[in-house]
């Protein structure tokens, strides 16, 4: 499985921005990859910064590139 840094670099190279780690964790959760819980996360049921819909496809493309999802 790719690291958050590798995913950020991939998205930056192909989409021109660096995604927040919380966006990557949110997308992992959506895709069923079960990310680790951040020590700074206040509640396991809510997200302060969910991934914007406009960025979700870019992060999913990175997941596919690293064979994390089909």
C-alpha atoms as a PDB file:
ATOM      1  CA  UNK A   1       0.000   0.000   0.000  1.00  0.00           C
ATOM      2  CA  UNK A   2       1.284   3.464  -0.894  1.00  0.00           C
ATOM      3  CA  UNK A   3       2.181   5.992   1.770  1.00  0.00           C
ATOM      4  CA  UNK A   4       0.352   9.279   2.162  1.00  0.00           C
ATOM      5  CA  UNK A   5       3.465  11.083   0.870  1.00  0.00           C
ATOM      6  CA  UNK A   6       3.529   8.947  -2.293  1.00  0.00           C
ATOM      7  CA  UNK A   7      -0.161   9.629  -2.919  1.00  0.00           C
ATOM      8  CA  UNK A   8       0.383  13.362  -2.379  1.00  0.00           C
ATOM      9  CA  UNK A   9       3.305  13.401  -4.839  1.00  0.00           C
ATOM     10  CA  UNK A  10       1.302  11.491  -7.459  1.00  0.00           C
ATOM     11  CA  UNK A  11      -1.680  13.857  -7.214  1.00  0.00           C
ATOM     12  CA  UNK A  12       0.609  16.908  -7.264  1.00  0.00           C
ATOM     13  CA  UNK A  13       2.377  15.696 -10.426  1.00  0.00           C
ATOM     14  CA  UNK A  14      -0.818  14.865 -12.323  1.00  0.00           C
ATOM     15  CA  UNK A  15      -3.373  17.330 -10.945  1.00  0.00           C
ATOM     16  CA  UNK A  16      -1.305  20.307  -9.826  1.00  0.00           C
ATOM     17  CA  UNK A  17      -2.170  20.411  -6.112  1.00  0.00           C
ATOM     18  CA  UNK A  18      -1.169  18.560  -2.972  1.00  0.00           C
ATOM     19  CA  UNK A  19      -4.116  16.873  -1.228  1.00  0.00           C
ATOM     20  CA  UNK A  20      -4.432  17.130   2.549  1.00  0.00           C
ATOM     21  CA  UNK A  21      -3.752  13.935   4.462  1.00  0.00           C
ATOM     22  CA  UNK A  22      -7.238  14.149   5.959  1.00  0.00           C
ATOM     23  CA  UNK A  23      -8.680  14.063   2.413  1.00  0.00           C
ATOM     24  CA  UNK A  24      -6.667  10.918   1.680  1.00  0.00           C
ATOM     25  CA  UNK A  25      -7.875   9.304   4.912  1.00  0.00           C
ATOM     26  CA  UNK A  26     -11.475  10.218   4.043  1.00  0.00           C
ATOM     27  CA  UNK A  27     -11.123   8.668   0.586  1.00  0.00           C
ATOM     28  CA  UNK A  28      -9.538   5.537   2.070  1.00  0.00           C
ATOM     29  CA  UNK A  29     -12.572   5.244   4.313  1.00  0.00           C
ATOM     30  CA  UNK A  30     -14.957   5.720   1.366  1.00  0.00           C
ATOM     31  CA  UNK A  31     -13.099   3.081  -0.668  1.00  0.00           C
ATOM     32  CA  UNK A  32     -13.089   0.589   2.206  1.00  0.00           C
ATOM     33  CA  UNK A  33      -9.339   0.675   2.873  1.00  0.00           C
ATOM     34  CA  UNK A  34      -9.686   1.345   6.636  1.00  0.00           C
ATOM     35  CA  UNK A  35      -7.127   4.058   7.441  1.00  0.00           C
ATOM     36  CA  UNK A  36      -5.550   4.323  10.865  1.00  0.00           C
ATOM     37  CA  UNK A  37      -7.207   6.752  13.260  1.00  0.00           C
ATOM     38  CA  UNK A  38      -5.304   9.995  13.717  1.00  0.00           C
ATOM     39  CA  UNK A  39      -4.337  10.819  17.293  1.00  0.00           C
ATOM     40  CA  UNK A  40      -5.639  14.353  16.691  1.00  0.00           C
ATOM     41  CA  UNK A  41      -9.074  13.256  15.514  1.00  0.00           C
ATOM     42  CA  UNK A  42     -11.715  14.342  17.998  1.00  0.00           C
ATOM     43  CA  UNK A  43     -14.538  12.005  17.031  1.00  0.00           C
ATOM     44  CA  UNK A  44     -14.423   8.774  15.029  1.00  0.00           C
ATOM     45  CA  UNK A  45     -17.868   9.566  13.594  1.00  0.00           C
ATOM     46  CA  UNK A  46     -17.255  13.031  12.148  1.00  0.00           C
ATOM     47  CA  UNK A  47     -14.689  14.768   9.967  1.00  0.00           C
ATOM     48  CA  UNK A  48     -13.573  18.386  10.281  1.00  0.00           C
ATOM     49  CA  UNK A  49     -12.196  18.452   6.718  1.00  0.00           C
ATOM     50  CA  UNK A  50     -13.908  15.888   4.467  1.00  0.00           C
ATOM     51  CA  UNK A  51     -12.531  15.492   0.960  1.00  0.00           C
ATOM     52  CA  UNK A  52     -14.255  17.867  -1.500  1.00  0.00           C
ATOM     53  CA  UNK A  53     -16.124  16.094  -4.288  1.00  0.00           C
ATOM     54  CA  UNK A  54     -14.040  17.931  -6.890  1.00  0.00           C
ATOM     55  CA  UNK A  55     -10.848  16.290  -5.535  1.00  0.00           C
ATOM     56  CA  UNK A  56     -12.153  12.760  -4.964  1.00  0.00           C
ATOM     57  CA  UNK A  57     -11.533  11.464  -8.498  1.00  0.00           C
ATOM     58  CA  UNK A  58      -7.894  12.617  -8.406  1.00  0.00           C
ATOM     59  CA  UNK A  59      -7.244  10.744  -5.173  1.00  0.00           C
ATOM     60  CA  UNK A  60      -9.046   7.649  -6.446  1.00  0.00           C
ATOM     61  CA  UNK A  61      -6.844   7.775  -9.557  1.00  0.00           C
ATOM     62  CA  UNK A  62      -3.790   7.711  -7.279  1.00  0.00           C
ATOM     63  CA  UNK A  63      -5.245   4.714  -5.416  1.00  0.00           C
ATOM     64  CA  UNK A  64      -5.691   2.920  -8.747  1.00  0.00           C
ATOM     65  CA  UNK A  65      -2.160   3.830  -9.821  1.00  0.00           C
ATOM     66  CA  UNK A  66      -0.776   2.205  -6.665  1.00  0.00           C
ATOM     67  CA  UNK A  67      -3.126  -0.822  -7.034  1.00  0.00           C
ATOM     68  CA  UNK A  68      -4.928  -0.028  -3.803  1.00  0.00           C
ATOM     69  CA  UNK A  69      -8.363  -0.303  -5.473  1.00  0.00           C
ATOM     70  CA  UNK A  70      -9.445  -1.960  -8.753  1.00  0.00           C
END
